[in-house]
């Protein structure tokens, strides 16, 4: 009877050790799975953030172009008007400038 009891205790201990080993293996696998899932989630979040950043930059670029186009067109129109000033008007402007300079500094 004592031998049977000792054998039952040994079997119970072996079972307990097996349960502990199984629990450790399960915990290790669960931890590894959690790390893998966390890494996948991290990559997903980074990809979404990069995409959102690119969208913000594209939207800002489009908005900048939208705001800059009228200014650029106005500058181009003014430049074109300056290019198209007649020689007669240029001579007239040149004479006015010369008269002002000569009148201002010519009597010194």
N, C-alpha and C. Protein backbone atom coordinates (compact mmCIF):
# COMPACT_ATOMS: atom_id res chain seq x y z
N UNK A 1 0.81 -1.18 0.00
CA UNK A 1 0.00 0.00 0.00
C UNK A 1 0.86 1.26 0.00
N UNK A 2 1.91 1.26 0.75
CA UNK A 2 2.81 2.40 0.80
C UNK A 2 3.47 2.58 -0.57
N UNK A 3 3.80 1.41 -1.20
CA UNK A 3 4.42 1.49 -2.51
C UNK A 3 3.44 2.10 -3.52
N UNK A 4 2.20 1.73 -3.46
CA UNK A 4 1.18 2.28 -4.34
C UNK A 4 1.00 3.77 -4.09
N UNK A 5 1.01 4.17 -2.84
CA UNK A 5 0.86 5.58 -2.49
C UNK A 5 2.03 6.38 -3.02
N UNK A 6 3.23 5.84 -2.82
CA UNK A 6 4.44 6.54 -3.31
C UNK A 6 4.38 6.65 -4.83
N UNK A 7 3.93 5.59 -5.49
CA UNK A 7 3.82 5.60 -6.94
C UNK A 7 2.77 6.61 -7.40
N UNK A 8 1.66 6.71 -6.68
CA UNK A 8 0.62 7.70 -7.01
C UNK A 8 1.17 9.12 -6.85
N UNK A 9 1.95 9.32 -5.77
CA UNK A 9 2.53 10.65 -5.52
C UNK A 9 3.52 10.98 -6.64
N UNK A 10 4.35 10.00 -7.02
CA UNK A 10 5.32 10.21 -8.10
C UNK A 10 4.60 10.52 -9.41
N UNK A 11 3.54 9.78 -9.70
CA UNK A 11 2.77 10.05 -10.91
C UNK A 11 2.15 11.44 -10.88
N UNK A 12 1.66 11.83 -9.72
CA UNK A 12 1.07 13.16 -9.58
C UNK A 12 2.13 14.23 -9.77
N UNK A 13 3.34 13.99 -9.22
CA UNK A 13 4.44 14.94 -9.40
C UNK A 13 4.83 15.01 -10.88
N UNK A 14 4.93 13.87 -11.54
CA UNK A 14 5.27 13.85 -12.97
C UNK A 14 4.23 14.60 -13.79
N UNK A 15 2.97 14.39 -13.45
CA UNK A 15 1.88 15.10 -14.13
C UNK A 15 1.98 16.60 -13.89
N UNK A 16 2.28 16.97 -12.65
CA UNK A 16 2.41 18.39 -12.30
C UNK A 16 3.57 19.01 -13.07
N UNK A 17 4.71 18.29 -13.13
CA UNK A 17 5.86 18.80 -13.90
C UNK A 17 5.51 18.95 -15.37
N UNK A 18 4.78 17.97 -15.91
CA UNK A 18 4.35 18.04 -17.30
C UNK A 18 3.44 19.24 -17.53
N UNK A 19 2.51 19.47 -16.59
CA UNK A 19 1.61 20.62 -16.70
C UNK A 19 2.41 21.93 -16.65
N UNK A 20 3.41 21.99 -15.78
CA UNK A 20 4.24 23.19 -15.67
C UNK A 20 5.01 23.42 -16.97
N UNK A 21 5.59 22.36 -17.52
CA UNK A 21 6.33 22.47 -18.79
C UNK A 21 5.39 22.91 -19.91
N UNK A 22 4.20 22.32 -19.97
CA UNK A 22 3.23 22.71 -20.98
C UNK A 22 2.83 24.17 -20.83
N UNK A 23 2.64 24.60 -19.58
CA UNK A 23 2.26 25.99 -19.31
C UNK A 23 3.37 26.94 -19.73
N UNK A 24 4.63 26.58 -19.44
CA UNK A 24 5.77 27.41 -19.84
C UNK A 24 5.86 27.49 -21.37
N UNK A 25 5.67 26.34 -22.03
CA UNK A 25 5.73 26.33 -23.50
C UNK A 25 4.60 27.17 -24.09
N UNK A 26 3.42 27.05 -23.50
CA UNK A 26 2.28 27.84 -23.97
C UNK A 26 2.54 29.33 -23.75
N UNK A 27 3.10 29.67 -22.58
CA UNK A 27 3.40 31.07 -22.29
C UNK A 27 4.44 31.61 -23.26
N UNK A 28 5.46 30.80 -23.55
CA UNK A 28 6.51 31.22 -24.48
C UNK A 28 5.92 31.44 -25.88
N UNK A 29 5.07 30.50 -26.33
CA UNK A 29 4.44 30.63 -27.64
C UNK A 29 3.51 31.85 -27.67
N UNK A 30 2.75 32.04 -26.61
CA UNK A 30 1.84 33.18 -26.54
C UNK A 30 2.62 34.49 -26.59
N UNK A 31 3.73 34.56 -25.89
CA UNK A 31 4.57 35.76 -25.89
C UNK A 31 5.15 36.00 -27.29
N UNK A 32 5.62 34.94 -27.94
CA UNK A 32 6.16 35.07 -29.29
C UNK A 32 5.07 35.54 -30.26
N UNK A 33 3.88 34.98 -30.12
CA UNK A 33 2.76 35.40 -30.97
C UNK A 33 2.41 36.86 -30.72
N UNK A 34 2.45 37.27 -29.46
CA UNK A 34 2.14 38.66 -29.11
C UNK A 34 3.18 39.60 -29.72
N UNK A 35 4.46 39.21 -29.66
CA UNK A 35 5.51 40.04 -30.26
C UNK A 35 5.31 40.15 -31.77
N UNK A 36 4.98 39.02 -32.40
CA UNK A 36 4.75 39.03 -33.84
C UNK A 36 3.57 39.92 -34.20
N UNK A 37 2.50 39.79 -33.46
CA UNK A 37 1.31 40.61 -33.72
C UNK A 37 1.61 42.09 -33.48
N UNK A 38 2.38 42.38 -32.42
CA UNK A 38 2.74 43.76 -32.14
C UNK A 38 3.60 44.33 -33.27
N UNK A 39 4.52 43.55 -33.78
CA UNK A 39 5.38 44.00 -34.89
C UNK A 39 4.53 44.26 -36.13
N UNK A 40 3.59 43.38 -36.43
CA UNK A 40 2.71 43.58 -37.59
C UNK A 40 1.86 44.84 -37.41
N UNK A 41 1.35 45.04 -36.22
CA UNK A 41 0.53 46.23 -35.94
C UNK A 41 1.38 47.49 -36.06
N UNK A 42 2.62 47.41 -35.56
CA UNK A 42 3.55 48.54 -35.64
C UNK A 42 3.79 48.91 -37.11
N UNK A 43 4.08 47.90 -37.93
CA UNK A 43 4.32 48.15 -39.35
C UNK A 43 3.08 48.76 -40.02
N UNK A 44 1.92 48.25 -39.66
CA UNK A 44 0.67 48.76 -40.23
C UNK A 44 0.47 50.23 -39.86
N UNK A 45 0.73 50.55 -38.59
CA UNK A 45 0.57 51.94 -38.13
C UNK A 45 1.55 52.85 -38.84
N UNK A 46 2.81 52.39 -39.00
CA UNK A 46 3.82 53.19 -39.70
C UNK A 46 3.41 53.42 -41.15
N UNK A 47 2.94 52.39 -41.82
CA UNK A 47 2.50 52.53 -43.22
C UNK A 47 1.35 53.52 -43.33
N UNK A 48 0.40 53.42 -42.42
CA UNK A 48 -0.74 54.35 -42.45
C UNK A 48 -0.27 55.77 -42.19
N UNK A 49 0.66 55.94 -41.26
CA UNK A 49 1.17 57.28 -40.95
C UNK A 49 1.93 57.86 -42.14
N UNK A 50 2.73 57.02 -42.80
CA UNK A 50 3.47 57.49 -43.98
C UNK A 50 2.50 57.89 -45.10
N UNK A 51 1.49 57.09 -45.30
CA UNK A 51 0.49 57.41 -46.33
C UNK A 51 -0.22 58.71 -46.00
N UNK A 52 -0.60 58.85 -44.74
CA UNK A 52 -1.28 60.08 -44.31
C UNK A 52 -0.35 61.29 -44.49
N UNK A 53 0.93 61.11 -44.17
CA UNK A 53 1.89 62.19 -44.36
C UNK A 53 2.03 62.57 -45.82
N UNK A 54 2.10 61.56 -46.70
CA UNK A 54 2.20 61.84 -48.13
C UNK A 54 0.95 62.57 -48.62
N UNK A 55 -0.21 62.16 -48.12
CA UNK A 55 -1.46 62.82 -48.52
C UNK A 55 -1.48 64.28 -48.06
N UNK A 56 -0.99 64.52 -46.85
CA UNK A 56 -0.94 65.90 -46.33
C UNK A 56 0.00 66.74 -47.18
N UNK A 57 1.17 66.17 -47.52
CA UNK A 57 2.13 66.91 -48.35
C UNK A 57 1.54 67.19 -49.72
N UNK A 58 0.88 66.21 -50.32
CA UNK A 58 0.28 66.40 -51.65
C UNK A 58 -0.81 67.47 -51.59
N UNK A 59 -1.62 67.41 -50.55
CA UNK A 59 -2.68 68.40 -50.40
C UNK A 59 -2.09 69.80 -50.22
N UNK A 60 -1.03 69.90 -49.43
CA UNK A 60 -0.38 71.20 -49.22
C UNK A 60 0.24 71.72 -50.52
N UNK A 61 0.84 70.81 -51.30
CA UNK A 61 1.43 71.21 -52.58
C UNK A 61 0.34 71.72 -53.52
N UNK A 62 -0.76 70.99 -53.60
CA UNK A 62 -1.86 71.41 -54.48
C UNK A 62 -2.43 72.75 -54.02
N UNK A 63 -2.57 72.91 -52.71
CA UNK A 63 -3.08 74.17 -52.18
C UNK A 63 -2.11 75.31 -52.48
N UNK A 64 -0.81 75.02 -52.33
CA UNK A 64 0.20 76.04 -52.64
C UNK A 64 0.17 76.45 -54.10
N UNK A 65 0.03 75.45 -54.98
CA UNK A 65 -0.07 75.76 -56.41
C UNK A 65 -1.33 76.58 -56.70
N UNK A 66 -2.42 76.20 -56.05
CA UNK A 66 -3.67 76.93 -56.25
C UNK A 66 -3.52 78.39 -55.84
N UNK A 67 -2.83 78.62 -54.72
CA UNK A 67 -2.63 79.99 -54.25
C UNK A 67 -1.59 80.73 -55.08
N UNK A 68 -0.58 80.00 -55.56
CA UNK A 68 0.52 80.64 -56.28
C UNK A 68 0.17 80.95 -57.74
N UNK A 69 -0.71 80.18 -58.35
CA UNK A 69 -1.02 80.37 -59.77
C UNK A 69 -1.50 81.78 -60.11
N UNK A 70 -2.43 82.36 -59.37
CA UNK A 70 -2.84 83.73 -59.73
C UNK A 70 -1.69 84.73 -59.59
N UNK A 71 -0.86 84.56 -58.60
CA UNK A 71 0.28 85.46 -58.39
C UNK A 71 1.26 85.31 -59.55
N UNK A 72 1.51 84.07 -59.92
CA UNK A 72 2.43 83.81 -61.03
C UNK A 72 1.88 84.38 -62.34
N UNK A 73 0.61 84.17 -62.57
CA UNK A 73 -0.02 84.71 -63.79
C UNK A 73 0.07 86.24 -63.82
N UNK A 74 -0.20 86.85 -62.67
CA UNK A 74 -0.11 88.32 -62.59
C UNK A 74 1.31 88.78 -62.90
N UNK A 75 2.30 88.08 -62.33
CA UNK A 75 3.70 88.43 -62.60
C UNK A 75 4.04 88.25 -64.06
N UNK A 76 3.57 87.17 -64.65
CA UNK A 76 3.82 86.94 -66.08
C UNK A 76 3.16 88.02 -66.93
N UNK A 77 1.94 88.42 -66.58
CA UNK A 77 1.25 89.48 -67.33
C UNK A 77 2.01 90.80 -67.23
N UNK A 78 2.47 91.13 -66.02
CA UNK A 78 3.24 92.38 -65.84
C UNK A 78 4.55 92.33 -66.62
N UNK A 79 5.21 91.17 -66.59
CA UNK A 79 6.46 91.02 -67.33
C UNK A 79 6.21 91.18 -68.83
N UNK A 80 5.13 90.62 -69.30
CA UNK A 80 4.79 90.72 -70.72
C UNK A 80 4.50 92.18 -71.10
N UNK A 81 3.80 92.89 -70.22
CA UNK A 81 3.51 94.30 -70.50
C UNK A 81 4.81 95.10 -70.57
N UNK A 82 5.74 94.79 -69.66
CA UNK A 82 7.03 95.50 -69.67
C UNK A 82 7.79 95.19 -70.96
N UNK A 83 7.76 93.94 -71.40
CA UNK A 83 8.43 93.56 -72.63
C UNK A 83 7.83 94.26 -73.84
N UNK A 84 6.56 94.57 -73.76
CA UNK A 84 5.85 95.15 -74.90
C UNK A 84 5.80 96.67 -74.88
N UNK A 85 6.54 97.29 -74.00
CA UNK A 85 6.56 98.77 -73.99
C UNK A 85 7.24 99.24 -75.27
N UNK A 86 6.64 100.19 -75.90
CA UNK A 86 7.16 100.67 -77.19
C UNK A 86 8.46 101.43 -76.98
N UNK A 87 9.25 101.51 -78.04
CA UNK A 87 10.52 102.25 -78.00
C UNK A 87 10.27 103.72 -77.70
N UNK A 88 9.17 104.23 -78.20
CA UNK A 88 8.84 105.64 -77.98
C UNK A 88 8.63 105.92 -76.49
N UNK A 89 7.90 105.02 -75.83
CA UNK A 89 7.65 105.20 -74.38
C UNK A 89 8.96 105.04 -73.60
N UNK A 90 9.81 104.12 -74.02
CA UNK A 90 11.10 103.95 -73.35
C UNK A 90 11.97 105.20 -73.48
N UNK A 91 11.97 105.79 -74.67
CA UNK A 91 12.74 107.03 -74.87
C UNK A 91 12.18 108.15 -74.01
N UNK A 92 10.86 108.23 -73.96
CA UNK A 92 10.19 109.26 -73.15
C UNK A 92 10.56 109.10 -71.67
N UNK A 93 10.51 107.87 -71.17
CA UNK A 93 10.84 107.60 -69.77
C UNK A 93 12.31 107.91 -69.52
N UNK A 94 13.15 107.55 -70.47
CA UNK A 94 14.59 107.81 -70.35
C UNK A 94 14.85 109.31 -70.30
N UNK A 95 14.17 110.07 -71.12
CA UNK A 95 14.35 111.53 -71.14
C UNK A 95 13.90 112.15 -69.82
N UNK A 96 12.80 111.66 -69.29
CA UNK A 96 12.30 112.18 -68.00
C UNK A 96 13.32 111.92 -66.90
N UNK A 97 13.89 110.74 -66.89
CA UNK A 97 14.88 110.39 -65.87
C UNK A 97 16.12 111.27 -66.03
N UNK A 98 16.57 111.43 -67.26
CA UNK A 98 17.76 112.26 -67.51
C UNK A 98 17.51 113.69 -67.08
N UNK A 99 16.35 114.25 -67.40
CA UNK A 99 16.01 115.62 -67.02
C UNK A 99 16.03 115.78 -65.50
N UNK A 100 15.49 114.83 -64.78
CA UNK A 100 15.45 114.91 -63.32
C UNK A 100 16.85 114.85 -62.74
N UNK A 101 17.67 114.00 -63.30
CA UNK A 101 19.04 113.88 -62.78
C UNK A 101 19.82 115.14 -63.11
N UNK A 102 19.71 115.60 -64.34
CA UNK A 102 20.46 116.80 -64.75
C UNK A 102 19.96 118.01 -63.97
N UNK A 103 18.66 118.14 -63.82
CA UNK A 103 18.10 119.27 -63.10
C UNK A 103 18.48 119.22 -61.62
N UNK A 104 18.56 118.04 -61.05
CA UNK A 104 18.87 117.89 -59.63
C UNK A 104 20.35 118.11 -59.36
N UNK A 105 21.21 117.57 -60.24
CA UNK A 105 22.64 117.60 -59.95
C UNK A 105 23.44 118.43 -60.97
N UNK A 106 22.78 118.90 -61.99
CA UNK A 106 23.48 119.63 -63.04
C UNK A 106 23.88 121.05 -62.63
N UNK A 107 23.25 121.64 -61.68
CA UNK A 107 23.54 123.01 -61.28
C UNK A 107 24.52 123.10 -60.11
N UNK A 108 25.15 122.02 -59.75
CA UNK A 108 25.99 122.07 -58.56
C UNK A 108 27.34 122.63 -58.80
